[in-house]
Protein backbone atom coordinates (compact mmCIF):
# COMPACT_ATOMS: atom_id res chain seq x y z
CA TYR A 1 4.26 -7.06 8.13
CA THR A 2 4.21 -9.72 10.86
CA PHE A 3 1.23 -7.93 12.44
CA LYS A 4 -1.01 -9.93 10.07
CA GLN A 5 0.68 -13.30 10.63
CA HIS A 6 -1.68 -14.64 13.28
CA SER A 7 -4.89 -13.25 11.79
CA VAL A 8 -4.78 -14.79 8.30
CA GLU A 9 -4.25 -18.19 6.70
CA ASN A 10 -0.65 -19.20 6.02
CA SER A 11 -1.16 -18.94 2.26
CA SER A 12 -2.53 -15.40 2.60
CA PHE A 13 0.34 -14.41 4.85
CA ASP A 14 2.85 -15.81 2.35
CA ARG A 15 1.17 -13.77 -0.41
CA TYR A 16 1.24 -10.59 1.73
CA GLU A 17 4.86 -11.21 2.64
CA SER A 18 5.78 -11.62 -1.02
CA ILE A 19 3.95 -8.41 -1.95
CA TYR A 20 5.71 -6.53 0.84
CA LEU A 21 9.17 -7.86 -0.03
CA HIS A 22 8.85 -7.35 -3.80
CA HIS A 23 6.77 -4.21 -4.14
CA ILE A 24 6.66 -2.18 -0.90
CA LYS A 25 9.98 -2.68 0.87
CA PRO A 26 12.16 -1.73 -2.14
CA VAL A 27 10.35 1.62 -2.41
CA LEU A 28 9.41 2.54 1.17
CA GLY A 29 11.54 0.19 3.27
CA ASP A 30 14.31 2.68 4.04
CA ILE A 31 11.91 5.42 5.18
CA GLN A 32 10.75 5.63 8.79
CA ILE A 33 7.05 4.84 8.89
CA ALA A 34 6.17 8.16 10.53
CA SER A 35 7.91 9.99 7.68
CA ILE A 36 5.97 8.34 4.85
CA ARG A 37 3.52 10.74 3.23
CA SER A 38 0.41 10.24 1.10
CA GLU A 39 2.24 11.50 -1.98
CA GLU A 40 4.91 8.78 -1.68
CA ILE A 41 2.24 6.10 -1.35
CA GLN A 42 0.28 7.46 -4.28
CA ASN A 43 3.43 7.57 -6.41
CA LEU A 44 4.11 3.93 -5.52
CA LEU A 45 0.56 2.86 -6.40
CA VAL A 46 0.52 4.79 -9.67
CA ALA A 47 3.93 3.42 -10.70
CA LYS A 48 2.87 -0.14 -9.87
CA SER A 49 -0.40 0.28 -11.76
CA LYS A 50 1.62 0.91 -14.93
CA THR A 51 3.45 -2.43 -14.75
CA LEU A 52 1.30 -4.76 -12.65
CA SER A 53 -2.22 -6.11 -12.86
CA TYR A 54 -5.07 -4.34 -11.13
CA SER A 55 -5.39 -7.33 -8.79
CA VAL A 56 -1.78 -7.01 -7.57
CA VAL A 57 -2.07 -3.23 -7.14
CA LYS A 58 -5.24 -3.78 -5.10
CA LYS A 59 -3.31 -6.18 -2.86
CA ILE A 60 -0.50 -3.65 -2.43
CA ASN A 61 -3.08 -1.01 -1.55
CA PHE A 62 -4.82 -3.36 0.90
CA LEU A 63 -1.58 -4.29 2.63
CA LEU A 64 -0.48 -0.66 2.93
CA SER A 65 -3.91 0.25 4.32
CA GLU A 66 -3.68 -2.49 6.93
CA LEU A 67 -0.10 -1.61 7.83
CA PHE A 68 -0.79 2.10 8.33
CA GLN A 69 -4.07 1.46 10.13
CA TYR A 70 -2.22 -0.82 12.56
CA ALA A 71 0.62 1.68 13.03
CA HIS A 72 -1.92 4.43 13.73
CA SER A 73 -3.85 2.29 16.22
CA GLU A 74 -0.59 1.48 18.02
CA GLY A 75 0.37 5.16 18.20
CA ASP A 76 3.39 4.74 15.92
CA ILE A 77 2.07 7.43 13.58
CA ALA A 78 -0.09 10.47 14.30
CA LYS A 79 -2.04 10.33 10.99
CA ASN A 80 -2.76 7.57 8.57
CA PRO A 81 -1.30 8.69 5.20
CA MET A 82 -3.39 6.10 3.37
CA ARG A 83 -6.56 8.15 3.79
CA ASN A 84 -5.47 10.74 1.24
CA ALA A 85 -3.42 8.35 -0.88
CA GLU A 86 -6.39 6.06 -1.50
CA LYS A 87 -8.61 8.93 -2.61
CA ASP A 88 -5.89 10.33 -4.87
CA ALA A 89 -5.02 6.91 -6.34
CA VAL A 90 -8.67 6.16 -7.09
CA GLN A 91 -9.01 9.54 -8.83
CA ALA A 92 -5.81 8.90 -10.82
CA GLU A 93 -7.02 5.41 -11.79
CA ALA A 94 -10.39 6.80 -12.90
CA HIS A 95 -8.61 9.50 -14.92
CA ASP A 96 -6.31 6.94 -16.61
CA PHE A 97 -9.27 4.66 -17.36
CA SER A 98 -11.35 7.45 -18.90
CA HIS A 99 -8.45 8.39 -21.16
CA GLY A 100 -8.02 4.91 -22.64
CA ARG A 101 -5.21 3.64 -20.47
């Protein structure tokens, strides 16, 4: 997550760091980045959407998007798994909303 440190305000970085440490690392932290799949990300986002505010889930989604985009641009991963996860999570959110979630 330090890839964002020099491109954002200190308060934003602290917020991103907290989101990573509390919500992303416990779920995905032990998995090599190249092994993380869209389904795992979607499961994380859906699970978090059941217990956290929409605003926090959006921040988790944003940070994951930035992280995987950076890893892809650096050649650490061949494909960005967020592309499919974001579409699937949006569809799941729309489905939950339409059914009175």
